[in-house]
């Protein structure tokens, strides 16, 4: 499963999800455990601060990061990859989470 979200305060959604070649990008492989959501939020908080993302947009990004990473740990197999980028042209923050596909069983931190 790959999930992608983009946030930009007051921006009109666009059809082309492609990022600018000058986007600031970071990707991480997270441990496939319950603590992964907290690790991803910490990484995201640091980057959002560096990028001067507004508090309201940052809150939305952090909620999305938490939900996507938690869902990947709870319902999918490793590996768990997390990406965050900022497109300087549109000021959109892109959140990406990928995993190893559906777990044999949900719950109890599937695939741990």
Protein backbone atom coordinates (compact mmCIF):
# COMPACT_ATOMS: atom_id res chain seq x y z
CA UNK A 1 0.00 0.00 0.00
CA UNK A 2 1.20 3.51 -0.76
CA UNK A 3 -0.63 6.50 0.65
CA UNK A 4 0.07 10.07 -0.44
CA UNK A 5 -1.39 13.33 0.88
CA UNK A 6 -0.61 16.98 0.19
CA UNK A 7 -1.40 20.07 2.27
CA UNK A 8 -1.14 23.73 1.41
CA UNK A 9 -3.12 26.33 3.33
CA UNK A 10 -5.62 28.00 1.00
CA UNK A 11 -4.30 26.22 -2.10
CA UNK A 12 -6.59 24.95 -4.82
CA UNK A 13 -6.16 21.21 -5.43
CA UNK A 14 -4.47 20.40 -8.71
CA UNK A 15 -4.75 17.36 -10.92
CA UNK A 16 -1.01 16.83 -11.40
CA UNK A 17 0.47 15.33 -8.19
CA UNK A 18 4.03 15.58 -9.54
CA UNK A 19 6.48 17.50 -7.41
CA UNK A 20 8.76 20.26 -8.47
CA UNK A 21 12.33 19.09 -9.09
CA UNK A 22 13.49 21.62 -6.49
CA UNK A 23 11.34 20.16 -3.71
CA UNK A 24 12.89 19.53 -0.29
CA UNK A 25 12.61 15.78 0.25
CA UNK A 26 13.34 13.34 3.05
CA UNK A 27 12.69 9.60 3.26
CA UNK A 28 13.15 7.21 6.15
CA UNK A 29 12.69 3.51 6.83
CA UNK A 30 10.93 3.16 10.18
CA UNK A 31 10.83 0.19 12.51
CA UNK A 32 7.60 -1.74 12.12
CA UNK A 33 6.45 -1.21 15.73
CA UNK A 34 3.93 0.96 17.57
CA UNK A 35 6.62 3.57 18.27
CA UNK A 36 6.99 4.26 14.53
CA UNK A 37 4.18 6.85 14.54
CA UNK A 38 5.96 8.85 17.24
CA UNK A 39 9.26 8.62 15.36
CA UNK A 40 7.58 9.87 12.17
CA UNK A 41 5.89 12.75 14.04
CA UNK A 42 9.22 13.81 15.53
CA UNK A 43 10.89 13.82 12.11
CA UNK A 44 7.93 15.68 10.59
CA UNK A 45 7.86 18.28 13.38
CA UNK A 46 11.54 19.09 12.86
CA UNK A 47 11.15 19.45 9.10
CA UNK A 48 7.91 21.44 9.26
CA UNK A 49 9.62 23.87 11.64
CA UNK A 50 12.63 24.19 9.31
CA UNK A 51 10.28 24.80 6.38
CA UNK A 52 8.28 27.45 8.36
CA UNK A 53 4.98 25.64 7.73
CA UNK A 54 2.08 27.39 9.48
CA UNK A 55 0.82 25.88 12.73
CA UNK A 56 -2.55 24.94 11.24
CA UNK A 57 -1.05 23.18 8.24
CA UNK A 58 1.56 21.49 10.45
CA UNK A 59 -1.19 20.13 12.73
CA UNK A 60 -2.94 18.60 9.70
CA UNK A 61 0.30 17.10 8.41
CA UNK A 62 1.16 15.61 11.82
CA UNK A 63 -2.31 14.07 12.16
CA UNK A 64 -2.01 12.56 8.70
CA UNK A 65 1.49 11.22 9.45
CA UNK A 66 0.22 9.61 12.67
CA UNK A 67 -2.76 7.99 10.98
CA UNK A 68 -0.89 6.67 7.94
CA UNK A 69 2.04 5.25 9.91
CA UNK A 70 -0.23 3.71 12.57
CA UNK A 71 -2.37 2.10 9.86
CA UNK A 72 0.72 0.68 8.14
CA UNK A 73 1.94 -0.85 11.40
CA UNK A 74 -1.49 -2.14 12.40
CA UNK A 75 -2.65 -3.53 9.05
CA UNK A 76 0.40 -4.23 6.88
CA UNK A 77 3.75 -5.98 6.75
CA UNK A 78 7.20 -4.40 6.80
CA UNK A 79 9.04 -2.59 5.37
CA UNK A 80 7.62 0.74 6.53
CA UNK A 81 8.86 3.77 4.60
CA UNK A 82 7.98 7.38 5.34
CA UNK A 83 8.56 10.36 3.09
CA UNK A 84 8.01 14.06 3.58
CA UNK A 85 8.66 16.82 1.08
CA UNK A 86 7.94 20.48 0.51
CA UNK A 87 7.38 21.89 -2.95
CA UNK A 88 8.74 25.43 -2.75
CA UNK A 89 6.72 26.56 -5.75
CA UNK A 90 3.31 25.59 -4.37
CA UNK A 91 4.22 25.39 -0.65
CA UNK A 92 2.55 21.97 -0.59
CA UNK A 93 3.74 19.43 1.96
CA UNK A 94 3.62 15.88 0.60
CA UNK A 95 3.34 12.93 2.98
CA UNK A 96 4.04 9.43 1.71
CA UNK A 97 3.90 6.15 3.58
CA UNK A 98 4.52 2.78 1.96
CA UNK A 99 4.48 -0.69 3.46
CA UNK A 100 4.96 -4.31 2.49
CA UNK A 101 1.32 -5.01 1.69
CA UNK A 102 -1.57 -6.46 3.69
CA UNK A 103 -0.77 -8.45 6.82
CA UNK A 104 -2.18 -11.94 7.27
CA UNK A 105 -4.19 -10.65 10.25
CA UNK A 106 -5.06 -7.18 11.48
CA UNK A 107 -4.50 -5.96 15.00
CA UNK A 108 -1.94 -6.53 17.70
CA UNK A 109 0.56 -4.65 15.55
CA UNK A 110 0.37 -6.97 12.56
CA UNK A 111 3.60 -8.38 11.23
CA UNK A 112 5.68 -7.25 14.21
